[in-house]
C-alpha atoms as a PDB file:
ATOM      1  CA  MET A   1     -38.200 118.006 -38.532  1.00  0.00           C
ATOM      2  CA  GLU A   2     -39.080 116.703 -35.073  1.00  0.00           C
ATOM      3  CA  GLU A   3     -36.322 115.869 -32.599  1.00  0.00           C
ATOM      4  CA  TYR A   4     -36.284 113.175 -29.930  1.00  0.00           C
ATOM      5  CA  GLU A   5     -34.216 113.027 -26.778  1.00  0.00           C
ATOM      6  CA  CYS A   6     -32.546 109.863 -25.521  1.00  0.00           C
ATOM      7  CA  ALA A   7     -33.970 109.243 -22.052  1.00  0.00           C
ATOM      8  CA  ILE A   8     -30.576 107.991 -20.848  1.00  0.00           C
ATOM      9  CA  CYS A   9     -27.842 110.269 -22.272  1.00  0.00           C
ATOM     10  CA  MET A  10     -30.196 113.186 -23.080  1.00  0.00           C
ATOM     11  CA  ASP A  11     -28.709 113.657 -26.568  1.00  0.00           C
ATOM     12  CA  ASP A  12     -31.072 114.868 -29.297  1.00  0.00           C
ATOM     13  CA  PHE A  13     -31.805 112.857 -32.447  1.00  0.00           C
ATOM     14  CA  LYS A  14     -33.769 113.797 -35.538  1.00  0.00           C
ATOM     15  CA  SER A  15     -36.967 111.921 -36.317  1.00  0.00           C
ATOM     16  CA  GLY A  16     -36.246 108.854 -38.425  1.00  0.00           C
ATOM     17  CA  SER A  17     -32.590 108.649 -37.359  1.00  0.00           C
ATOM     18  CA  ASP A  18     -31.084 105.164 -37.524  1.00  0.00           C
ATOM     19  CA  GLU A  19     -29.305 105.945 -34.262  1.00  0.00           C
ATOM     20  CA  PHE A  20     -32.536 106.388 -32.261  1.00  0.00           C
ATOM     21  CA  THR A  21     -35.243 103.930 -31.233  1.00  0.00           C
ATOM     22  CA  TYR A  22     -38.654 105.175 -30.162  1.00  0.00           C
ATOM     23  CA  LEU A  23     -40.382 102.579 -27.990  1.00  0.00           C
ATOM     24  CA  GLY A  24     -43.808 104.151 -28.244  1.00  0.00           C
ATOM     25  CA  ASP A  25     -46.770 105.013 -26.082  1.00  0.00           C
ATOM     26  CA  THR A  26     -46.602 101.908 -23.898  1.00  0.00           C
ATOM     27  CA  HIS A  27     -43.172 102.995 -22.629  1.00  0.00           C
ATOM     28  CA  ASN A  28     -44.142 106.486 -21.385  1.00  0.00           C
ATOM     29  CA  HIS A  29     -43.318 107.866 -24.854  1.00  0.00           C
ATOM     30  CA  SER A  30     -39.681 106.877 -24.330  1.00  0.00           C
ATOM     31  CA  GLY A  31     -36.907 106.704 -26.844  1.00  0.00           C
ATOM     32  CA  PHE A  32     -33.254 105.792 -26.601  1.00  0.00           C
ATOM     33  CA  CYS A  33     -30.171 106.061 -28.738  1.00  0.00           C
ATOM     34  CA  LYS A  34     -28.860 102.716 -29.955  1.00  0.00           C
ATOM     35  CA  ASP A  35     -25.636 102.978 -27.934  1.00  0.00           C
ATOM     36  CA  CYS A  36     -27.472 103.608 -24.655  1.00  0.00           C
ATOM     37  CA  LEU A  37     -30.074 100.916 -25.326  1.00  0.00           C
ATOM     38  CA  SER A  38     -27.388  98.349 -26.209  1.00  0.00           C
ATOM     39  CA  ALA A  39     -25.386  99.189 -23.079  1.00  0.00           C
ATOM     40  CA  TYR A  40     -28.538  98.987 -20.956  1.00  0.00           C
ATOM     41  CA  LEU A  41     -29.468  95.584 -22.411  1.00  0.00           C
ATOM     42  CA  SER A  42     -25.991  94.299 -21.666  1.00  0.00           C
ATOM     43  CA  SER A  43     -26.120  95.321 -18.013  1.00  0.00           C
ATOM     44  CA  ALA A  44     -29.795  94.458 -17.451  1.00  0.00           C
ATOM     45  CA  SER A  45     -29.481  90.980 -18.950  1.00  0.00           C
ATOM     46  CA  SER A  46     -27.727  89.731 -15.825  1.00  0.00           C
ATOM     47  CA  SER A  47     -30.947  90.261 -13.866  1.00  0.00           C
ATOM     48  CA  GLY A  48     -32.710  87.436 -15.652  1.00  0.00           C
ATOM     49  CA  LEU A  49     -35.273  86.668 -18.278  1.00  0.00           C
ATOM     50  CA  THR A  50     -37.318  89.880 -18.396  1.00  0.00           C
ATOM     51  CA  ILE A  51     -35.665  93.224 -18.994  1.00  0.00           C
ATOM     52  CA  PRO A  52     -37.646  96.250 -17.802  1.00  0.00           C
ATOM     53  CA  CYS A  53     -37.862  99.436 -19.832  1.00  0.00           C
ATOM     54  CA  PRO A  54     -34.956 101.760 -18.953  1.00  0.00           C
ATOM     55  CA  GLN A  55     -37.311 104.750 -18.662  1.00  0.00           C
ATOM     56  CA  HIS A  56     -37.734 105.616 -14.975  1.00  0.00           C
ATOM     57  CA  GLY A  57     -41.198 104.635 -13.792  1.00  0.00           C
ATOM     58  CA  CYS A  58     -42.123 102.654 -16.906  1.00  0.00           C
ATOM     59  CA  PRO A  59     -43.719  99.363 -15.799  1.00  0.00           C
ATOM     60  CA  VAL A  60     -43.416  97.650 -19.201  1.00  0.00           C
ATOM     61  CA  VAL A  61     -40.747  95.054 -20.024  1.00  0.00           C
ATOM     62  CA  LEU A  62     -38.885  95.270 -23.318  1.00  0.00           C
ATOM     63  CA  THR A  63     -40.281  93.032 -26.035  1.00  0.00           C
ATOM     64  CA  SER A  64     -38.181  90.301 -27.602  1.00  0.00           C
ATOM     65  CA  SER A  65     -38.198  92.231 -30.902  1.00  0.00           C
ATOM     66  CA  VAL A  66     -36.630  95.303 -29.226  1.00  0.00           C
ATOM     67  CA  VAL A  67     -34.046  93.117 -27.491  1.00  0.00           C
ATOM     68  CA  THR A  68     -33.257  91.216 -30.704  1.00  0.00           C
ATOM     69  CA  ALA A  69     -32.862  94.446 -32.693  1.00  0.00           C
ATOM     70  CA  HIS A  70     -30.439  96.047 -30.221  1.00  0.00           C
ATOM     71  CA  ALA A  71     -28.496  93.252 -28.547  1.00  0.00           C
ATOM     72  CA  SER A  72     -25.193  91.869 -29.740  1.00  0.00           C
ATOM     73  CA  PRO A  73     -25.103  88.261 -30.994  1.00  0.00           C
ATOM     74  CA  GLU A  74     -23.226  87.260 -27.815  1.00  0.00           C
ATOM     75  CA  LEU A  75     -25.898  88.849 -25.625  1.00  0.00           C
ATOM     76  CA  LEU A  76     -28.687  87.166 -27.599  1.00  0.00           C
ATOM     77  CA  GLN A  77     -26.947  83.829 -27.095  1.00  0.00           C
ATOM     78  CA  LYS A  78     -26.665  84.529 -23.353  1.00  0.00           C
ATOM     79  CA  LEU A  79     -30.341  85.524 -23.117  1.00  0.00           C
ATOM     80  CA  THR A  80     -31.374  82.416 -25.058  1.00  0.00           C
ATOM     81  CA  ARG A  81     -29.368  80.276 -22.633  1.00  0.00           C
ATOM     82  CA  ILE A  82     -31.021  82.022 -19.647  1.00  0.00           C
ATOM     83  CA  GLU A  83     -34.453  81.497 -21.221  1.00  0.00           C
ATOM     84  CA  ASN A  84     -33.733  77.813 -21.868  1.00  0.00           C
ATOM     85  CA  ASP A  85     -32.330  77.295 -18.358  1.00  0.00           C
ATOM     86  CA  THR A  86     -35.420  78.918 -16.870  1.00  0.00           C
ATOM     87  CA  PHE A  87     -37.728  76.736 -18.952  1.00  0.00           C
ATOM     88  CA  ILE A  88     -35.811  73.536 -18.220  1.00  0.00           C
ATOM     89  CA  SER A  89     -35.684  74.178 -14.477  1.00  0.00           C
ATOM     90  CA  ALA A  90     -39.407  74.992 -14.368  1.00  0.00           C
ATOM     91  CA  ALA A  91     -40.554  72.033 -16.475  1.00  0.00           C
ATOM     92  CA  LYS A  92     -41.455  68.969 -14.445  1.00  0.00           C
ATOM     93  CA  ASP A  93     -40.533  66.462 -17.130  1.00  0.00           C
ATOM     94  CA  THR A  94     -37.173  67.849 -18.309  1.00  0.00           C
ATOM     95  CA  THR A  95     -33.683  68.531 -16.995  1.00  0.00           C
ATOM     96  CA  TYR A  96     -30.212  68.772 -18.478  1.00  0.00           C
ATOM     97  CA  CYS A  97     -28.384  65.544 -19.236  1.00  0.00           C
ATOM     98  CA  PRO A  98     -26.171  64.499 -16.302  1.00  0.00           C
ATOM     99  CA  VAL A  99     -23.270  63.679 -18.621  1.00  0.00           C
ATOM    100  CA  GLU A 100     -20.437  66.180 -18.198  1.00  0.00           C
ATOM    101  CA  ASN A 101     -20.359  68.852 -20.945  1.00  0.00           C
ATOM    102  CA  CYS A 102     -23.594  67.604 -22.515  1.00  0.00           C
ATOM    103  CA  ARG A 103     -26.044  70.509 -22.837  1.00  0.00           C
ATOM    104  CA  CYS A 104     -28.802  68.308 -24.211  1.00  0.00           C
ATOM    105  CA  VAL A 105     -32.144  68.001 -22.503  1.00  0.00           C
ATOM    106  CA  VAL A 106     -33.195  64.853 -20.704  1.00  0.00           C
ATOM    107  CA  ARG A 107     -36.940  64.343 -20.749  1.00  0.00           C
ATOM    108  CA  ARG A 108     -38.995  61.923 -18.753  1.00  0.00           C
ATOM    109  CA  VAL A 109     -40.885  59.379 -20.752  1.00  0.00           C
ATOM    110  CA  THR A 110     -44.494  58.946 -19.799  1.00  0.00           C
ATOM    111  CA  PRO A 111     -45.338  55.362 -18.811  1.00  0.00           C
ATOM    112  CA  PRO A 112     -47.588  54.589 -21.833  1.00  0.00           C
ATOM    113  CA  ASP A 113     -44.904  55.704 -24.319  1.00  0.00           C
ATOM    114  CA  TYR A 114     -42.240  54.029 -22.251  1.00  0.00           C
ATOM    115  CA  LEU A 115     -43.984  50.679 -22.153  1.00  0.00           C
ATOM    116  CA  GLN A 116     -44.934  50.847 -25.818  1.00  0.00           C
ATOM    117  CA  ARG A 117     -41.361  51.468 -26.994  1.00  0.00           C
ATOM    118  CA  TRP A 118     -39.285  49.256 -24.678  1.00  0.00           C
ATOM    119  CA  GLY A 119     -41.622  46.946 -22.789  1.00  0.00           C
ATOM    120  CA  PRO A 120     -42.232  46.477 -19.072  1.00  0.00           C
ATOM    121  CA  ASP A 121     -38.768  45.033 -18.338  1.00  0.00           C
ATOM    122  CA  CYS A 122     -37.156  48.438 -18.750  1.00  0.00           C
ATOM    123  CA  LEU A 123     -39.578  50.398 -16.589  1.00  0.00           C
ATOM    124  CA  ALA A 124     -37.273  50.273 -13.581  1.00  0.00           C
ATOM    125  CA  TYR A 125     -34.161  51.175 -15.561  1.00  0.00           C
ATOM    126  CA  VAL A 126     -35.005  54.168 -17.734  1.00  0.00           C
ATOM    127  CA  PRO A 127     -36.369  57.198 -15.911  1.00  0.00           C
ATOM    128  CA  ALA A 128     -35.386  59.656 -18.648  1.00  0.00           C
ATOM    129  CA  ILE A 129     -34.104  59.914 -22.216  1.00  0.00           C
ATOM    130  CA  CYS A 130     -31.335  62.257 -23.358  1.00  0.00           C
ATOM    131  CA  ASN A 131     -32.210  63.628 -26.792  1.00  0.00           C
ATOM    132  CA  HIS A 132     -28.531  63.664 -27.822  1.00  0.00           C
ATOM    133  CA  ASP A 133     -28.366  60.004 -28.786  1.00  0.00           C
ATOM    134  CA  SER A 134     -31.908  58.721 -28.454  1.00  0.00           C
ATOM    135  CA  ASP A 135     -33.240  60.383 -31.621  1.00  0.00           C
ATOM    136  CA  ASP A 136     -30.859  58.318 -33.742  1.00  0.00           C
ATOM    137  CA  ALA A 137     -30.618  55.279 -31.478  1.00  0.00           C
ATOM    138  CA  GLN A 138     -31.599  52.018 -33.081  1.00  0.00           C
ATOM    139  CA  ILE A 139     -33.261  50.025 -30.319  1.00  0.00           C
ATOM    140  CA  PRO A 140     -33.733  46.421 -31.392  1.00  0.00           C
ATOM    141  CA  GLU A 141     -36.992  44.602 -30.708  1.00  0.00           C
ATOM    142  CA  GLU A 142     -35.259  42.155 -28.397  1.00  0.00           C
ATOM    143  CA  ALA A 143     -33.865  44.949 -26.226  1.00  0.00           C
ATOM    144  CA  SER A 144     -34.634  44.065 -22.663  1.00  0.00           C
ATOM    145  CA  CYS A 145     -32.689  46.968 -21.228  1.00  0.00           C
ATOM    146  CA  VAL A 146     -31.857  50.507 -22.114  1.00  0.00           C
ATOM    147  CA  THR A 147     -29.506  52.809 -20.213  1.00  0.00           C
ATOM    148  CA  ARG A 148     -31.053  55.510 -18.064  1.00  0.00           C
ATOM    149  CA  GLU A 149     -30.708  58.042 -20.893  1.00  0.00           C
ATOM    150  CA  GLY A 150     -32.455  55.738 -23.336  1.00  0.00           C
ATOM    151  CA  VAL A 151     -29.545  54.286 -25.299  1.00  0.00           C
ATOM    152  CA  TYR A 152     -29.548  50.539 -25.903  1.00  0.00           C
ATOM    153  CA  ASP A 153     -26.872  48.599 -24.002  1.00  0.00           C
ATOM    154  CA  SER A 154     -26.903  44.838 -24.606  1.00  0.00           C
ATOM    155  CA  SER A 155     -24.383  44.243 -21.796  1.00  0.00           C
ATOM    156  CA  TYR A 156     -26.683  45.733 -19.180  1.00  0.00           C
ATOM    157  CA  GLY A 157     -29.017  43.075 -17.826  1.00  0.00           C
ATOM    158  CA  LYS A 158     -32.290  43.487 -15.989  1.00  0.00           C
ATOM    159  CA  ASP A 159     -30.913  41.583 -12.983  1.00  0.00           C
ATOM    160  CA  SER A 160     -27.936  43.902 -12.587  1.00  0.00           C
ATOM    161  CA  SER A 161     -27.675  45.798  -9.318  1.00  0.00           C
ATOM    162  CA  GLU A 162     -25.380  48.446 -10.812  1.00  0.00           C
ATOM    163  CA  GLN A 163     -26.505  51.903 -11.874  1.00  0.00           C
ATOM    164  CA  PRO A 164     -27.041  51.977 -15.669  1.00  0.00           C
ATOM    165  CA  ARG A 165     -24.144  53.544 -17.556  1.00  0.00           C
ATOM    166  CA  LEU A 166     -24.452  57.042 -18.949  1.00  0.00           C
ATOM    167  CA  ALA A 167     -25.550  57.397 -22.554  1.00  0.00           C
ATOM    168  CA  HIS A 168     -22.492  59.248 -23.830  1.00  0.00           C
END
């Protein structure tokens, strides 16, 4: 039976062992024991979204399936948060809701959709919609104003000089 060597700890593992992961030809024929690969993922995750292969000189990043198979649930949650943060910060039409402790995404409404849903009176008042409340919000036809996160507020008038209240 063929044996493989972990490229990190140099321990030998029999072919087909559940404790060894062979990454294949694209990773310089590298393989790693599960303990070493898990520890590497944990330390490398702090560097950001892409995690390079731990094999010295290998230019390939680890695939999401390799990461998913060897990372702890906590690490997967952390990586998902990093991925979401990266996407949100790069997207021109989204950001996180400004309400404290709200992790929902605020997206800009394009003018045609904006005008169609709330009418021209609200154009100056609603630059973005937080998806936390707006998906379930019941906006009446007569609504002349919506808060800046897209939640109807009948007490907020179009002639008000105050900043619209937060949605939450």
